[in-house]
Amino acid sequence: MNIISIILQAQQAAPQQGGGGLSLIIMMVAIFAIMYFLMIRPQQKKQKELQKFRNELKKGDKVVTIGGIYGTIEEIPENGNYVMMRVDTNVRIKVAKSSIVRDFSDAQQQ
């Protein structure tokens, strides 16, 4: 006797039970809740903090861009979505606010 015939006999001997759909729905809801609290919610929180940081930028802040460019903010236009950043003596670049990812002012003081 092979394993497949044993499994088929066991399935035929067992009575069919209803209500399997409800347990499936509960399992799917539980999986979604776990995924939400472990993956989606922390990412949303991190995005909100980053957006708040970018909105609170001010002249003189020392920041790092996504590309790894370190500099000091020199100018922030009122309605612009960019900042003017000084990266060296007499070197200024225009950088999108969305590319600024971190403030390193406190790291320099330690």
N, C-alpha and C. Protein backbone atom coordinates (compact mmCIF):
# COMPACT_ATOMS: atom_id res chain seq x y z
N MET A 1 0.83 -1.17 0.00
CA MET A 1 0.00 0.00 0.00
C MET A 1 0.89 1.25 0.00
N ASN A 2 0.54 2.16 -0.86
CA ASN A 2 1.33 3.38 -0.88
C ASN A 2 0.65 4.47 -0.06
N ILE A 3 1.34 5.54 0.10
CA ILE A 3 0.88 6.63 0.98
C ILE A 3 -0.36 7.30 0.41
N ILE A 4 -0.45 7.43 -0.89
CA ILE A 4 -1.60 8.11 -1.49
C ILE A 4 -2.89 7.34 -1.21
N SER A 5 -2.85 6.03 -1.32
CA SER A 5 -4.07 5.26 -1.05
C SER A 5 -4.46 5.33 0.42
N ILE A 6 -3.49 5.42 1.32
CA ILE A 6 -3.79 5.56 2.75
C ILE A 6 -4.48 6.91 3.01
N ILE A 7 -3.98 7.94 2.39
CA ILE A 7 -4.56 9.28 2.58
C ILE A 7 -5.98 9.33 2.02
N LEU A 8 -6.18 8.73 0.84
CA LEU A 8 -7.52 8.72 0.24
C LEU A 8 -8.53 7.96 1.10
N GLN A 9 -8.10 6.83 1.69
CA GLN A 9 -8.98 6.07 2.55
C GLN A 9 -9.33 6.85 3.82
N ALA A 10 -8.36 7.58 4.35
CA ALA A 10 -8.60 8.37 5.56
C ALA A 10 -9.58 9.50 5.27
N GLN A 11 -9.48 10.10 4.09
CA GLN A 11 -10.39 11.19 3.74
C GLN A 11 -11.81 10.67 3.53
N GLN A 12 -11.93 9.49 2.97
CA GLN A 12 -13.26 8.93 2.75
C GLN A 12 -13.90 8.51 4.05
N ALA A 13 -13.09 8.05 5.01
CA ALA A 13 -13.62 7.58 6.28
C ALA A 13 -14.03 8.75 7.17
N ALA A 14 -13.35 9.88 7.05
CA ALA A 14 -13.65 11.03 7.90
C ALA A 14 -14.91 11.72 7.39
N PRO A 15 -15.82 12.09 8.28
CA PRO A 15 -17.02 12.79 7.85
C PRO A 15 -16.68 14.22 7.42
N GLN A 16 -17.38 14.72 6.44
CA GLN A 16 -17.16 16.08 5.96
C GLN A 16 -17.74 17.07 6.97
N GLN A 17 -16.92 18.06 7.32
CA GLN A 17 -17.36 19.06 8.29
C GLN A 17 -17.56 20.39 7.57
N GLY A 18 -18.56 21.11 7.98
CA GLY A 18 -18.81 22.43 7.44
C GLY A 18 -18.14 23.48 8.32
N GLY A 19 -18.19 24.72 7.90
CA GLY A 19 -17.64 25.81 8.72
C GLY A 19 -16.16 26.05 8.49
N GLY A 20 -15.56 25.42 7.51
CA GLY A 20 -14.14 25.63 7.22
C GLY A 20 -13.88 27.03 6.68
N GLY A 21 -14.87 27.62 6.04
CA GLY A 21 -14.74 28.96 5.48
C GLY A 21 -14.55 30.02 6.55
N LEU A 22 -15.24 29.86 7.68
CA LEU A 22 -15.13 30.84 8.76
C LEU A 22 -13.73 30.83 9.36
N SER A 23 -13.19 29.66 9.57
CA SER A 23 -11.84 29.59 10.14
C SER A 23 -10.81 30.15 9.17
N LEU A 24 -11.03 29.97 7.87
CA LEU A 24 -10.14 30.54 6.87
C LEU A 24 -10.17 32.07 6.91
N ILE A 25 -11.36 32.61 7.04
CA ILE A 25 -11.50 34.08 7.10
C ILE A 25 -10.82 34.63 8.35
N ILE A 26 -11.01 33.96 9.47
CA ILE A 26 -10.37 34.40 10.72
C ILE A 26 -8.85 34.34 10.58
N MET A 27 -8.34 33.29 9.96
CA MET A 27 -6.90 33.15 9.76
C MET A 27 -6.36 34.26 8.87
N MET A 28 -7.08 34.59 7.80
CA MET A 28 -6.64 35.65 6.90
C MET A 28 -6.64 37.01 7.58
N VAL A 29 -7.66 37.28 8.38
CA VAL A 29 -7.71 38.55 9.13
C VAL A 29 -6.55 38.62 10.11
N ALA A 30 -6.25 37.52 10.78
CA ALA A 30 -5.14 37.50 11.73
C ALA A 30 -3.81 37.74 11.03
N ILE A 31 -3.62 37.14 9.87
CA ILE A 31 -2.38 37.34 9.12
C ILE A 31 -2.26 38.79 8.67
N PHE A 32 -3.36 39.37 8.19
CA PHE A 32 -3.32 40.77 7.77
C PHE A 32 -3.00 41.69 8.95
N ALA A 33 -3.60 41.42 10.12
CA ALA A 33 -3.34 42.25 11.30
C ALA A 33 -1.87 42.17 11.70
N ILE A 34 -1.31 40.98 11.66
CA ILE A 34 0.11 40.82 12.01
C ILE A 34 0.98 41.58 11.01
N MET A 35 0.69 41.46 9.73
CA MET A 35 1.46 42.16 8.71
C MET A 35 1.35 43.68 8.89
N TYR A 36 0.15 44.15 9.23
CA TYR A 36 -0.05 45.59 9.42
C TYR A 36 0.81 46.10 10.57
N PHE A 37 0.77 45.42 11.71
CA PHE A 37 1.49 45.92 12.88
C PHE A 37 2.99 45.70 12.80
N LEU A 38 3.45 44.74 12.02
CA LEU A 38 4.89 44.48 11.94
C LEU A 38 5.55 45.18 10.75
N MET A 39 4.80 45.49 9.70
CA MET A 39 5.42 46.04 8.51
C MET A 39 4.86 47.40 8.07
N ILE A 40 3.57 47.49 7.93
CA ILE A 40 2.98 48.69 7.34
C ILE A 40 3.01 49.87 8.31
N ARG A 41 2.58 49.66 9.53
CA ARG A 41 2.50 50.75 10.50
C ARG A 41 3.86 51.37 10.83
N PRO A 42 4.92 50.58 11.08
CA PRO A 42 6.23 51.20 11.33
C PRO A 42 6.74 52.01 10.14
N GLN A 43 6.48 51.54 8.92
CA GLN A 43 6.92 52.28 7.74
C GLN A 43 6.18 53.60 7.62
N GLN A 44 4.88 53.61 7.90
CA GLN A 44 4.11 54.86 7.85
C GLN A 44 4.62 55.84 8.90
N LYS A 45 4.94 55.35 10.08
CA LYS A 45 5.46 56.20 11.15
C LYS A 45 6.80 56.82 10.75
N LYS A 46 7.65 56.02 10.15
CA LYS A 46 8.96 56.50 9.71
C LYS A 46 8.80 57.57 8.63
N GLN A 47 7.87 57.38 7.70
CA GLN A 47 7.62 58.35 6.64
C GLN A 47 7.11 59.67 7.22
N LYS A 48 6.23 59.62 8.21
CA LYS A 48 5.71 60.84 8.84
C LYS A 48 6.82 61.60 9.55
N GLU A 49 7.70 60.88 10.24
CA GLU A 49 8.82 61.54 10.92
C GLU A 49 9.76 62.21 9.93
N LEU A 50 10.03 61.55 8.81
CA LEU A 50 10.90 62.12 7.79
C LEU A 50 10.27 63.35 7.16
N GLN A 51 8.97 63.31 6.90
CA GLN A 51 8.28 64.46 6.33
C GLN A 51 8.29 65.64 7.31
N LYS A 52 8.08 65.36 8.59
CA LYS A 52 8.13 66.41 9.61
C LYS A 52 9.52 67.03 9.68
N PHE A 53 10.55 66.20 9.61
CA PHE A 53 11.94 66.68 9.63
C PHE A 53 12.19 67.62 8.45
N ARG A 54 11.73 67.22 7.25
CA ARG A 54 11.95 68.04 6.06
C ARG A 54 11.20 69.36 6.13
N ASN A 55 10.01 69.36 6.73
CA ASN A 55 9.23 70.59 6.85
C ASN A 55 9.83 71.55 7.88
N GLU A 56 10.58 71.04 8.84
CA GLU A 56 11.16 71.88 9.90
C GLU A 56 12.60 72.29 9.62
N LEU A 57 13.09 72.08 8.40
CA LEU A 57 14.46 72.49 8.08
C LEU A 57 14.59 74.00 8.18
N LYS A 58 15.76 74.44 8.62
CA LYS A 58 16.01 75.88 8.74
C LYS A 58 17.45 76.18 8.36
N LYS A 59 17.72 77.42 8.13
CA LYS A 59 19.05 77.86 7.73
C LYS A 59 20.06 77.49 8.82
N GLY A 60 21.19 76.93 8.39
CA GLY A 60 22.24 76.56 9.33
C GLY A 60 22.22 75.09 9.73
N ASP A 61 21.16 74.36 9.40
CA ASP A 61 21.11 72.92 9.70
C ASP A 61 22.15 72.18 8.87
N LYS A 62 22.82 71.26 9.50
CA LYS A 62 23.78 70.39 8.80
C LYS A 62 23.06 69.10 8.47
N VAL A 63 23.01 68.77 7.17
CA VAL A 63 22.21 67.65 6.71
C VAL A 63 23.01 66.75 5.77
N VAL A 64 22.41 65.57 5.51
CA VAL A 64 22.98 64.61 4.57
C VAL A 64 21.89 64.28 3.55
N THR A 65 22.27 64.19 2.27
CA THR A 65 21.32 63.83 1.22
C THR A 65 21.33 62.32 1.00
N ILE A 66 20.39 61.85 0.19
CA ILE A 66 20.31 60.44 -0.16
C ILE A 66 21.61 59.98 -0.81
N GLY A 67 22.22 60.84 -1.60
CA GLY A 67 23.46 60.51 -2.30
C GLY A 67 24.70 60.57 -1.42
N GLY A 68 24.55 60.95 -0.16
CA GLY A 68 25.68 61.00 0.76
C GLY A 68 26.42 62.31 0.77
N ILE A 69 25.81 63.37 0.26
CA ILE A 69 26.44 64.69 0.26
C ILE A 69 26.15 65.38 1.58
N TYR A 70 27.20 65.77 2.28
CA TYR A 70 27.09 66.49 3.55
C TYR A 70 27.17 67.98 3.26
N GLY A 71 26.31 68.75 3.93
CA GLY A 71 26.35 70.18 3.72
C GLY A 71 25.52 70.92 4.76
N THR A 72 25.57 72.26 4.64
CA THR A 72 24.83 73.14 5.55
C THR A 72 23.81 73.92 4.73
N ILE A 73 22.59 73.98 5.23
CA ILE A 73 21.53 74.69 4.51
C ILE A 73 21.79 76.19 4.60
N GLU A 74 21.78 76.84 3.43
CA GLU A 74 22.02 78.27 3.35
C GLU A 74 20.74 79.05 3.08
N GLU A 75 19.83 78.46 2.31
CA GLU A 75 18.64 79.19 1.91
C GLU A 75 17.50 78.21 1.66
N ILE A 76 16.30 78.59 2.12
CA ILE A 76 15.10 77.80 1.88
C ILE A 76 14.03 78.74 1.32
N PRO A 77 13.69 78.61 0.04
CA PRO A 77 12.65 79.48 -0.52
C PRO A 77 11.29 79.17 0.11
N GLU A 78 10.41 80.16 0.13
CA GLU A 78 9.09 80.00 0.75
C GLU A 78 8.28 78.88 0.13
N ASN A 79 8.08 78.93 -1.19
CA ASN A 79 7.21 77.96 -1.84
C ASN A 79 7.98 76.89 -2.60
N GLY A 80 9.28 76.88 -2.50
CA GLY A 80 10.08 75.93 -3.27
C GLY A 80 10.15 74.56 -2.61
N ASN A 81 10.40 73.57 -3.43
CA ASN A 81 10.60 72.23 -2.88
C ASN A 81 12.07 71.86 -2.94
N TYR A 82 12.92 72.89 -2.87
CA TYR A 82 14.36 72.67 -2.85
C TYR A 82 15.00 73.58 -1.80
N VAL A 83 16.28 73.33 -1.53
CA VAL A 83 17.06 74.17 -0.63
C VAL A 83 18.40 74.44 -1.29
N MET A 84 19.01 75.56 -0.92
CA MET A 84 20.39 75.83 -1.34
C MET A 84 21.30 75.36 -0.20
N MET A 85 22.28 74.54 -0.54
CA MET A 85 23.12 73.91 0.47
C MET A 85 24.59 74.23 0.17
N ARG A 86 25.32 74.62 1.22
CA ARG A 86 26.76 74.87 1.07
C ARG A 86 27.49 73.58 1.42
N VAL A 87 28.29 73.07 0.47
CA VAL A 87 29.01 71.83 0.71
C VAL A 87 30.49 72.06 0.98
N ASP A 88 31.00 73.24 0.58
CA ASP A 88 32.40 73.60 0.83
C ASP A 88 32.51 75.11 0.70
N THR A 89 33.68 75.63 0.93
CA THR A 89 33.88 77.05 0.80
C THR A 89 33.59 77.46 -0.64
N ASN A 90 32.70 78.41 -0.82
CA ASN A 90 32.31 78.94 -2.12
C ASN A 90 31.66 77.89 -3.04
N VAL A 91 31.12 76.83 -2.50
CA VAL A 91 30.43 75.83 -3.31
C VAL A 91 29.02 75.66 -2.75
N ARG A 92 28.03 76.06 -3.58
CA ARG A 92 26.63 75.93 -3.19
C ARG A 92 25.92 75.09 -4.25
N ILE A 93 25.02 74.23 -3.80
CA ILE A 93 24.25 73.41 -4.73
C ILE A 93 22.78 73.50 -4.37
N LYS A 94 21.95 73.31 -5.39
CA LYS A 94 20.50 73.28 -5.19
C LYS A 94 20.11 71.82 -5.02
N VAL A 95 19.41 71.51 -3.92
CA VAL A 95 19.06 70.13 -3.60
C VAL A 95 17.56 70.05 -3.32
N ALA A 96 16.92 69.01 -3.83
CA ALA A 96 15.50 68.80 -3.55
C ALA A 96 15.31 68.45 -2.08
N LYS A 97 14.27 68.99 -1.47
CA LYS A 97 13.99 68.68 -0.06
C LYS A 97 13.77 67.19 0.15
N SER A 98 13.19 66.55 -0.84
CA SER A 98 12.91 65.12 -0.70
C SER A 98 14.16 64.26 -0.68
N SER A 99 15.31 64.84 -1.07
CA SER A 99 16.55 64.06 -1.04
C SER A 99 17.30 64.20 0.28
N ILE A 100 16.83 65.07 1.16
CA ILE A 100 17.47 65.23 2.47
C ILE A 100 16.92 64.18 3.41
N VAL A 101 17.82 63.39 3.99
CA VAL A 101 17.36 62.26 4.80
C VAL A 101 17.77 62.31 6.26
N ARG A 102 18.78 63.12 6.60
CA ARG A 102 19.24 63.06 7.98
C ARG A 102 19.91 64.36 8.39
N ASP A 103 19.81 64.67 9.67
CA ASP A 103 20.48 65.83 10.27
C ASP A 103 21.70 65.30 10.99
N PHE A 104 22.87 65.86 10.70
CA PHE A 104 24.06 65.38 11.40
C PHE A 104 24.67 66.43 12.30
N SER A 105 23.92 67.45 12.68
CA SER A 105 24.42 68.49 13.57
C SER A 105 24.82 67.92 14.92
N ASP A 106 23.97 67.05 15.51
CA ASP A 106 24.26 66.48 16.82
C ASP A 106 25.42 65.50 16.77
N ALA A 107 25.59 64.79 15.67
CA ALA A 107 26.67 63.80 15.55
C ALA A 107 28.03 64.48 15.56
N GLN A 108 28.12 65.71 15.04
CA GLN A 108 29.37 66.42 15.00
C GLN A 108 29.80 66.89 16.39
N GLN A 109 28.84 67.18 17.27
CA GLN A 109 29.16 67.72 18.58
C GLN A 109 29.65 66.66 19.54
N GLN A 110 29.36 65.39 19.29
CA GLN A 110 29.73 64.33 20.23
C GLN A 110 31.17 63.96 20.12
